[in-house]
Amino acid sequence: MNLYCPFCAEEIAVDTIECPSCGTVYDANSLKYLTAASKGTTTLHPSHERRRHLRARISLKVTYFSAKSFVSNYIFNLSAGGLFIKTKNPLSPGEKLKLKIFLPDKQKELELFSEVIWVRKEEQATPKGTYPPGMGVKFLNPSTEDIKRIISVLSQSMK
């Protein structure tokens, strides 16, 4: 599996402690997360290998606001680049929304502007819930601090 820096999205070596492109130095949590990713010890499906960011299954409360709605729901999986929200009523691809993610780090909820990239309708979902209905959401211009918080939470969830 290829690894990419969660801050600049450039490919990095498995054993790196500093990104050669942007100079980001990885803390202990980030290194643990990236190392586990390189060994395949996370819950990725082979069809997801095209993603630039490792995605881990995690359930966190999220609220989102769009031009049409305000919804409170739960994240099905999360990465430094986006998330999947399990819902029978997904928004349309291309729709912009403001997310509030309630991370377990006891800090203020994470607020991110995002865009719906793809949707899986209820009739496309798998019966056992492996691929539930919902929407794939991409973060738009998250800050370095936002990404660091997400990676720290993902690292903790792998313990």
N, C-alpha and C. Protein backbone atom coordinates (compact mmCIF):
# COMPACT_ATOMS: atom_id res chain seq x y z
N MET A 1 0.84 -1.18 0.00
CA MET A 1 0.00 0.00 0.00
C MET A 1 0.88 1.24 0.00
N ASN A 2 0.57 2.20 -0.83
CA ASN A 2 1.29 3.46 -0.86
C ASN A 2 0.79 4.34 0.28
N LEU A 3 1.70 5.11 0.85
CA LEU A 3 1.33 6.06 1.90
C LEU A 3 1.53 7.47 1.39
N TYR A 4 0.67 8.37 1.87
CA TYR A 4 0.74 9.76 1.46
C TYR A 4 0.73 10.63 2.69
N CYS A 5 1.49 11.71 2.63
CA CYS A 5 1.51 12.66 3.73
C CYS A 5 0.10 13.24 3.90
N PRO A 6 -0.44 13.20 5.10
CA PRO A 6 -1.79 13.73 5.30
C PRO A 6 -1.86 15.25 5.22
N PHE A 7 -0.72 15.92 5.13
CA PHE A 7 -0.70 17.38 5.10
C PHE A 7 -0.52 17.94 3.70
N CYS A 8 0.30 17.30 2.85
CA CYS A 8 0.51 17.82 1.49
C CYS A 8 0.09 16.81 0.42
N ALA A 9 -0.26 15.58 0.82
CA ALA A 9 -0.74 14.51 -0.06
C ALA A 9 0.33 13.96 -0.99
N GLU A 10 1.60 14.25 -0.73
CA GLU A 10 2.68 13.65 -1.52
C GLU A 10 3.00 12.26 -0.97
N GLU A 11 3.43 11.36 -1.85
CA GLU A 11 3.78 10.01 -1.43
C GLU A 11 5.00 10.07 -0.51
N ILE A 12 4.97 9.24 0.55
CA ILE A 12 6.08 9.19 1.50
C ILE A 12 6.50 7.74 1.70
N ALA A 13 7.73 7.56 2.14
CA ALA A 13 8.25 6.23 2.45
C ALA A 13 7.62 5.74 3.74
N VAL A 14 7.51 4.41 3.87
CA VAL A 14 6.87 3.80 5.03
C VAL A 14 7.59 4.17 6.33
N ASP A 15 8.89 4.26 6.30
CA ASP A 15 9.66 4.48 7.53
C ASP A 15 10.05 5.93 7.76
N THR A 16 9.39 6.87 7.10
CA THR A 16 9.76 8.27 7.23
C THR A 16 9.31 8.87 8.55
N ILE A 17 10.04 9.86 9.04
CA ILE A 17 9.59 10.61 10.20
C ILE A 17 9.37 12.08 9.82
N GLU A 18 9.78 12.43 8.58
CA GLU A 18 9.57 13.78 8.09
C GLU A 18 9.24 13.71 6.61
N CYS A 19 8.21 14.42 6.20
CA CYS A 19 7.81 14.43 4.80
C CYS A 19 8.86 15.20 3.99
N PRO A 20 9.42 14.59 2.95
CA PRO A 20 10.44 15.29 2.16
C PRO A 20 9.86 16.46 1.35
N SER A 21 8.56 16.49 1.13
CA SER A 21 7.97 17.56 0.33
C SER A 21 7.62 18.80 1.15
N CYS A 22 6.88 18.60 2.25
CA CYS A 22 6.42 19.75 3.02
C CYS A 22 7.16 19.95 4.33
N GLY A 23 7.98 18.95 4.73
CA GLY A 23 8.76 19.07 5.95
C GLY A 23 8.01 18.74 7.23
N THR A 24 6.79 18.22 7.12
CA THR A 24 6.03 17.86 8.31
C THR A 24 6.75 16.75 9.06
N VAL A 25 6.95 16.96 10.35
CA VAL A 25 7.55 15.95 11.22
C VAL A 25 6.39 15.26 11.93
N TYR A 26 6.36 13.94 11.87
CA TYR A 26 5.26 13.18 12.44
C TYR A 26 5.49 12.90 13.91
N ASP A 27 4.46 13.13 14.74
CA ASP A 27 4.54 12.82 16.16
C ASP A 27 4.33 11.32 16.37
N ALA A 28 4.39 10.87 17.61
CA ALA A 28 4.30 9.44 17.91
C ALA A 28 2.97 8.85 17.44
N ASN A 29 1.85 9.57 17.64
CA ASN A 29 0.55 9.06 17.21
C ASN A 29 0.48 8.93 15.69
N SER A 30 0.99 9.94 15.00
CA SER A 30 0.97 9.90 13.54
C SER A 30 1.82 8.75 13.01
N LEU A 31 2.99 8.57 13.59
CA LEU A 31 3.87 7.47 13.15
C LEU A 31 3.22 6.12 13.38
N LYS A 32 2.56 5.96 14.53
CA LYS A 32 1.88 4.71 14.84
C LYS A 32 0.79 4.44 13.79
N TYR A 33 0.05 5.46 13.48
CA TYR A 33 -1.04 5.36 12.50
C TYR A 33 -0.49 5.03 11.11
N LEU A 34 0.53 5.74 10.68
CA LEU A 34 1.10 5.51 9.35
C LEU A 34 1.77 4.15 9.25
N THR A 35 2.43 3.71 10.32
CA THR A 35 3.07 2.40 10.32
C THR A 35 2.03 1.29 10.23
N ALA A 36 0.96 1.41 10.99
CA ALA A 36 -0.12 0.42 10.92
C ALA A 36 -0.72 0.39 9.53
N ALA A 37 -0.83 1.55 8.92
CA ALA A 37 -1.37 1.63 7.56
C ALA A 37 -0.49 0.87 6.58
N SER A 38 0.80 1.01 6.74
CA SER A 38 1.72 0.35 5.82
C SER A 38 1.71 -1.16 5.98
N LYS A 39 1.34 -1.63 7.17
CA LYS A 39 1.30 -3.07 7.42
C LYS A 39 -0.07 -3.67 7.15
N GLY A 40 -1.01 -2.81 6.81
CA GLY A 40 -2.35 -3.30 6.49
C GLY A 40 -3.13 -3.76 7.70
N THR A 41 -2.89 -3.18 8.87
CA THR A 41 -3.59 -3.63 10.08
C THR A 41 -4.82 -2.80 10.37
N THR A 42 -5.35 -2.12 9.36
CA THR A 42 -6.58 -1.37 9.55
C THR A 42 -7.68 -2.00 8.73
N THR A 43 -8.88 -1.50 8.85
CA THR A 43 -10.03 -2.11 8.21
C THR A 43 -10.30 -1.50 6.84
N LEU A 44 -9.40 -1.71 5.92
CA LEU A 44 -9.59 -1.23 4.55
C LEU A 44 -10.05 -2.36 3.66
N HIS A 45 -10.93 -2.06 2.75
CA HIS A 45 -11.35 -3.01 1.73
C HIS A 45 -10.44 -2.81 0.52
N PRO A 46 -10.05 -3.88 -0.21
CA PRO A 46 -9.14 -3.71 -1.34
C PRO A 46 -9.59 -2.68 -2.37
N SER A 47 -10.88 -2.49 -2.54
CA SER A 47 -11.34 -1.51 -3.52
C SER A 47 -11.04 -0.08 -3.11
N HIS A 48 -10.65 0.14 -1.87
CA HIS A 48 -10.37 1.49 -1.38
C HIS A 48 -8.90 1.87 -1.52
N GLU A 49 -8.08 1.04 -2.10
CA GLU A 49 -6.66 1.32 -2.19
C GLU A 49 -6.35 2.54 -3.04
N ARG A 50 -7.30 3.00 -3.84
CA ARG A 50 -7.08 4.17 -4.68
C ARG A 50 -7.09 5.46 -3.86
N ARG A 51 -7.53 5.40 -2.63
CA ARG A 51 -7.62 6.59 -1.80
C ARG A 51 -6.24 7.08 -1.39
N ARG A 52 -6.12 8.38 -1.24
CA ARG A 52 -4.86 8.99 -0.83
C ARG A 52 -4.67 8.91 0.69
N HIS A 53 -5.76 8.80 1.43
CA HIS A 53 -5.67 8.78 2.89
C HIS A 53 -6.25 7.48 3.42
N LEU A 54 -5.57 6.91 4.38
CA LEU A 54 -6.05 5.70 5.03
C LEU A 54 -7.34 6.02 5.77
N ARG A 55 -8.30 5.17 5.63
CA ARG A 55 -9.62 5.35 6.22
C ARG A 55 -9.82 4.25 7.26
N ALA A 56 -10.25 4.62 8.45
CA ALA A 56 -10.50 3.64 9.51
C ALA A 56 -11.95 3.73 9.97
N ARG A 57 -12.50 2.57 10.28
CA ARG A 57 -13.88 2.53 10.78
C ARG A 57 -13.91 3.09 12.20
N ILE A 58 -14.80 4.05 12.38
CA ILE A 58 -14.94 4.70 13.69
C ILE A 58 -16.34 5.31 13.74
N SER A 59 -16.95 5.29 14.89
CA SER A 59 -18.29 5.88 15.03
C SER A 59 -18.19 7.12 15.90
N LEU A 60 -18.44 8.27 15.31
CA LEU A 60 -18.42 9.54 16.02
C LEU A 60 -19.64 10.35 15.62
N LYS A 61 -20.14 11.13 16.56
CA LYS A 61 -21.28 11.99 16.25
C LYS A 61 -20.84 13.10 15.31
N VAL A 62 -21.70 13.43 14.36
CA VAL A 62 -21.44 14.52 13.42
C VAL A 62 -22.76 15.25 13.16
N THR A 63 -22.68 16.56 13.06
CA THR A 63 -23.82 17.33 12.59
C THR A 63 -23.38 18.02 11.32
N TYR A 64 -24.31 18.22 10.42
CA TYR A 64 -23.96 18.95 9.20
C TYR A 64 -25.08 19.86 8.77
N PHE A 65 -24.63 20.98 8.20
CA PHE A 65 -25.52 22.02 7.73
C PHE A 65 -25.28 22.19 6.24
N SER A 66 -26.33 22.18 5.47
CA SER A 66 -26.23 22.49 4.05
C SER A 66 -27.27 23.55 3.75
N ALA A 67 -27.35 23.93 2.49
CA ALA A 67 -28.35 24.93 2.10
C ALA A 67 -29.76 24.41 2.35
N LYS A 68 -29.92 23.09 2.39
CA LYS A 68 -31.25 22.49 2.50
C LYS A 68 -31.58 21.91 3.87
N SER A 69 -30.56 21.63 4.69
CA SER A 69 -30.88 20.88 5.90
C SER A 69 -29.87 21.05 7.03
N PHE A 70 -30.31 20.65 8.21
CA PHE A 70 -29.46 20.48 9.38
C PHE A 70 -29.72 19.06 9.86
N VAL A 71 -28.65 18.25 9.99
CA VAL A 71 -28.81 16.84 10.35
C VAL A 71 -27.80 16.47 11.42
N SER A 72 -28.20 15.62 12.34
CA SER A 72 -27.30 15.02 13.31
C SER A 72 -27.24 13.53 13.00
N ASN A 73 -26.03 12.98 12.90
CA ASN A 73 -25.87 11.60 12.47
C ASN A 73 -24.58 11.05 13.06
N TYR A 74 -24.11 9.91 12.51
CA TYR A 74 -22.86 9.31 12.94
C TYR A 74 -21.96 9.00 11.76
N ILE A 75 -20.67 9.19 11.99
CA ILE A 75 -19.66 8.85 10.99
C ILE A 75 -19.51 7.33 10.98
N PHE A 76 -19.37 6.75 9.80
CA PHE A 76 -19.13 5.31 9.66
C PHE A 76 -17.64 5.04 9.56
N ASN A 77 -16.92 5.89 8.82
CA ASN A 77 -15.47 5.81 8.78
C ASN A 77 -14.88 7.19 8.53
N LEU A 78 -13.58 7.34 8.83
CA LEU A 78 -12.94 8.64 8.83
C LEU A 78 -11.52 8.53 8.31
N SER A 79 -11.06 9.57 7.63
CA SER A 79 -9.65 9.68 7.22
C SER A 79 -9.24 11.13 7.35
N ALA A 80 -7.98 11.41 7.08
CA ALA A 80 -7.50 12.79 7.12
C ALA A 80 -8.07 13.61 5.97
N GLY A 81 -8.61 12.96 4.96
CA GLY A 81 -9.13 13.67 3.80
C GLY A 81 -10.64 13.75 3.71
N GLY A 82 -11.34 12.94 4.52
CA GLY A 82 -12.80 12.95 4.45
C GLY A 82 -13.41 11.88 5.33
N LEU A 83 -14.69 11.60 5.09
CA LEU A 83 -15.38 10.63 5.92
C LEU A 83 -16.58 10.07 5.16
N PHE A 84 -17.16 9.03 5.74
CA PHE A 84 -18.38 8.46 5.20
C PHE A 84 -19.44 8.56 6.28
N ILE A 85 -20.58 9.13 5.93
CA ILE A 85 -21.70 9.24 6.86
C ILE A 85 -22.76 8.24 6.45
N LYS A 86 -23.08 7.37 7.37
CA LYS A 86 -24.13 6.37 7.14
C LYS A 86 -25.48 7.05 7.29
N THR A 87 -26.25 7.06 6.19
CA THR A 87 -27.56 7.69 6.20
C THR A 87 -28.42 7.16 5.07
N LYS A 88 -29.71 7.04 5.31
CA LYS A 88 -30.64 6.64 4.25
C LYS A 88 -31.08 7.84 3.42
N ASN A 89 -30.69 9.04 3.85
CA ASN A 89 -31.07 10.27 3.15
C ASN A 89 -29.83 11.11 2.82
N PRO A 90 -28.95 10.60 1.93
CA PRO A 90 -27.74 11.36 1.61
C PRO A 90 -28.05 12.62 0.81
N LEU A 91 -27.17 13.59 0.95
CA LEU A 91 -27.25 14.79 0.13
C LEU A 91 -26.76 14.44 -1.27
N SER A 92 -26.87 15.34 -2.20
CA SER A 92 -26.47 15.10 -3.58
C SER A 92 -24.97 15.34 -3.77
N PRO A 93 -24.31 14.56 -4.65
CA PRO A 93 -22.91 14.84 -4.97
C PRO A 93 -22.75 16.28 -5.44
N GLY A 94 -21.68 16.91 -4.95
CA GLY A 94 -21.40 18.30 -5.28
C GLY A 94 -21.95 19.28 -4.26
N GLU A 95 -22.84 18.80 -3.40
CA GLU A 95 -23.43 19.69 -2.40
C GLU A 95 -22.39 20.02 -1.33
N LYS A 96 -22.29 21.29 -0.98
CA LYS A 96 -21.35 21.76 0.04
C LYS A 96 -22.05 21.74 1.39
N LEU A 97 -21.28 21.43 2.45
CA LEU A 97 -21.85 21.41 3.78
C LEU A 97 -20.80 21.78 4.82
N LYS A 98 -21.28 22.20 5.95
CA LYS A 98 -20.40 22.49 7.09
C LYS A 98 -20.60 21.38 8.10
N LEU A 99 -19.51 20.70 8.43
CA LEU A 99 -19.54 19.59 9.38
C LEU A 99 -19.08 20.04 10.76
N LYS A 100 -19.68 19.47 11.78
CA LYS A 100 -19.16 19.56 13.15
C LYS A 100 -18.96 18.12 13.60
N ILE A 101 -17.70 17.75 13.81
CA ILE A 101 -17.36 16.39 14.24
C ILE A 101 -17.01 16.43 15.72
N PHE A 102 -17.64 15.57 16.48
CA PHE A 102 -17.42 15.51 17.92
C PHE A 102 -16.36 14.45 18.21
N LEU A 103 -15.09 14.89 18.22
CA LEU A 103 -13.97 13.98 18.45
C LEU A 103 -13.86 13.66 19.94
N PRO A 104 -13.34 12.48 20.27
CA PRO A 104 -13.24 12.07 21.68
C PRO A 104 -12.04 12.68 22.41
N ASP A 105 -11.40 13.70 21.84
CA ASP A 105 -10.22 14.29 22.48
C ASP A 105 -10.56 15.38 23.49
N LYS A 106 -11.85 15.55 23.78
CA LYS A 106 -12.35 16.48 24.80
C LYS A 106 -12.05 17.95 24.48
N GLN A 107 -11.71 18.22 23.22
CA GLN A 107 -11.56 19.60 22.78
C GLN A 107 -12.85 20.02 22.09
N LYS A 108 -12.91 21.27 21.68
CA LYS A 108 -14.07 21.78 20.95
C LYS A 108 -14.29 20.93 19.70
N GLU A 109 -15.56 20.77 19.31
CA GLU A 109 -15.84 19.98 18.12
C GLU A 109 -15.10 20.56 16.91
N LEU A 110 -14.76 19.68 16.00
CA LEU A 110 -14.01 20.05 14.80
C LEU A 110 -15.00 20.55 13.75
N GLU A 111 -14.80 21.76 13.24
CA GLU A 111 -15.68 22.33 12.23
C GLU A 111 -14.94 22.38 10.90
N LEU A 112 -15.53 21.74 9.88
CA LEU A 112 -14.89 21.66 8.57
C LEU A 112 -15.88 21.92 7.46
N PHE A 113 -15.46 22.70 6.47
CA PHE A 113 -16.26 22.84 5.26
C PHE A 113 -15.95 21.65 4.37
N SER A 114 -16.98 21.09 3.74
CA SER A 114 -16.84 19.83 3.03
C SER A 114 -17.72 19.81 1.79
N GLU A 115 -17.53 18.74 1.01
CA GLU A 115 -18.34 18.54 -0.18
C GLU A 115 -18.68 17.07 -0.32
N VAL A 116 -19.93 16.77 -0.67
CA VAL A 116 -20.34 15.40 -0.93
C VAL A 116 -19.73 14.99 -2.27
N ILE A 117 -18.96 13.91 -2.27
CA ILE A 117 -18.27 13.44 -3.47
C ILE A 117 -19.04 12.31 -4.14
N TRP A 118 -19.59 11.41 -3.34
CA TRP A 118 -20.34 10.28 -3.89
C TRP A 118 -21.41 9.84 -2.91
N VAL A 119 -22.36 9.09 -3.43
CA VAL A 119 -23.51 8.63 -2.65
C VAL A 119 -23.75 7.15 -2.91
N ARG A 120 -24.09 6.40 -1.85
CA ARG A 120 -24.55 5.02 -2.00
C ARG A 120 -25.99 4.98 -1.49
N LYS A 121 -26.92 4.76 -2.41
CA LYS A 121 -28.34 4.73 -2.06
C LYS A 121 -28.68 3.43 -1.35
N GLU A 122 -29.81 3.41 -0.69
CA GLU A 122 -30.21 2.25 0.10
C GLU A 122 -30.27 0.97 -0.74
N GLU A 123 -30.72 1.07 -1.97
CA GLU A 123 -30.80 -0.12 -2.83
C GLU A 123 -29.43 -0.62 -3.29
N GLN A 124 -28.39 0.18 -3.12
CA GLN A 124 -27.03 -0.23 -3.48
C GLN A 124 -26.26 -0.80 -2.28
N ALA A 125 -26.80 -0.68 -1.09
CA ALA A 125 -26.13 -1.14 0.13
C ALA A 125 -26.12 -2.66 0.19
N THR A 126 -25.16 -3.19 0.93
CA THR A 126 -25.08 -4.64 1.12
C THR A 126 -25.95 -5.05 2.30
N PRO A 127 -26.54 -6.24 2.26
CA PRO A 127 -27.47 -6.67 3.31
C PRO A 127 -26.87 -6.71 4.71
N LYS A 128 -25.61 -7.08 4.85
CA LYS A 128 -25.02 -7.23 6.19
C LYS A 128 -24.41 -5.92 6.70
N GLY A 129 -24.55 -4.83 5.96
CA GLY A 129 -24.07 -3.54 6.43
C GLY A 129 -22.62 -3.25 6.18
N THR A 130 -21.93 -4.14 5.43
CA THR A 130 -20.53 -3.88 5.12
C THR A 130 -20.40 -2.58 4.32
N TYR A 131 -21.33 -2.38 3.40
CA TYR A 131 -21.40 -1.16 2.61
C TYR A 131 -22.79 -0.56 2.78
N PRO A 132 -22.99 0.23 3.84
CA PRO A 132 -24.31 0.78 4.13
C PRO A 132 -24.64 1.97 3.21
N PRO A 133 -25.90 2.39 3.20
CA PRO A 133 -26.25 3.58 2.45
C PRO A 133 -25.62 4.80 3.12
N GLY A 134 -25.31 5.80 2.32
CA GLY A 134 -24.74 7.01 2.89
C GLY A 134 -24.01 7.85 1.86
N MET A 135 -23.08 8.68 2.34
CA MET A 135 -22.38 9.59 1.44
C MET A 135 -20.92 9.74 1.83
N GLY A 136 -20.08 9.78 0.80
CA GLY A 136 -18.66 10.05 0.97
C GLY A 136 -18.44 11.55 0.89
N VAL A 137 -17.77 12.10 1.90
CA VAL A 137 -17.59 13.54 2.01
C VAL A 137 -16.10 13.87 2.05
N LYS A 138 -15.71 14.85 1.26
CA LYS A 138 -14.31 15.31 1.21
C LYS A 138 -14.20 16.62 1.98
N PHE A 139 -13.13 16.74 2.81
CA PHE A 139 -12.87 17.98 3.53
C PHE A 139 -12.30 18.99 2.53
N LEU A 140 -12.75 20.23 2.64
CA LEU A 140 -12.26 21.30 1.78
C LEU A 140 -11.33 22.20 2.61
N ASN A 141 -10.06 22.18 2.29
CA ASN A 141 -9.06 23.03 2.95
C ASN A 141 -9.00 22.92 4.46
N PRO A 142 -8.85 21.69 5.00
CA PRO A 142 -8.69 21.58 6.46
C PRO A 142 -7.35 22.17 6.88
N SER A 143 -7.28 22.69 8.08
CA SER A 143 -6.02 23.24 8.59
C SER A 143 -5.09 22.09 9.01
N THR A 144 -3.84 22.40 9.17
CA THR A 144 -2.87 21.41 9.65
C THR A 144 -3.28 20.91 11.02
N GLU A 145 -3.76 21.80 11.87
CA GLU A 145 -4.19 21.42 13.22
C GLU A 145 -5.39 20.47 13.16
N ASP A 146 -6.34 20.73 12.24
CA ASP A 146 -7.49 19.85 12.08
C ASP A 146 -7.03 18.44 11.70
N ILE A 147 -6.12 18.35 10.76
CA ILE A 147 -5.62 17.05 10.30
C ILE A 147 -4.88 16.34 11.42
N LYS A 148 -4.09 17.09 12.18
CA LYS A 148 -3.37 16.47 13.30
C LYS A 148 -4.34 15.88 14.33
N ARG A 149 -5.43 16.59 14.61
CA ARG A 149 -6.42 16.06 15.55
C ARG A 149 -7.07 14.79 15.02
N ILE A 150 -7.40 14.78 13.74
CA ILE A 150 -8.01 13.59 13.14
C ILE A 150 -7.06 12.41 13.21
N ILE A 151 -5.80 12.62 12.83
CA ILE A 151 -4.82 11.53 12.86
C ILE A 151 -4.61 11.02 14.28
N SER A 152 -4.60 11.90 15.24
CA SER A 152 -4.44 11.48 16.63
C SER A 152 -5.61 10.59 17.07
N VAL A 153 -6.83 10.98 16.70
CA VAL A 153 -8.02 10.18 17.04
C VAL A 153 -7.97 8.83 16.34
N LEU A 154 -7.58 8.82 15.07
CA LEU A 154 -7.49 7.56 14.33
C LEU A 154 -6.44 6.64 14.95
N SER A 155 -5.32 7.21 15.36
CA SER A 155 -4.28 6.42 16.01
C SER A 155 -4.79 5.80 17.30
N GLN A 156 -5.50 6.58 18.10
CA GLN A 156 -6.06 6.07 19.35
C GLN A 156 -7.09 4.96 19.10
N SER A 157 -7.85 5.09 18.02
CA SER A 157 -8.89 4.10 17.73
C SER A 157 -8.30 2.75 17.33
N MET A 158 -7.05 2.74 16.91
CA MET A 158 -6.42 1.50 16.47
C MET A 158 -5.87 0.68 17.63
N LYS A 159 -5.86 1.24 18.83
CA LYS A 159 -5.32 0.52 20.00
C LYS A 159 -6.23 -0.61 20.39
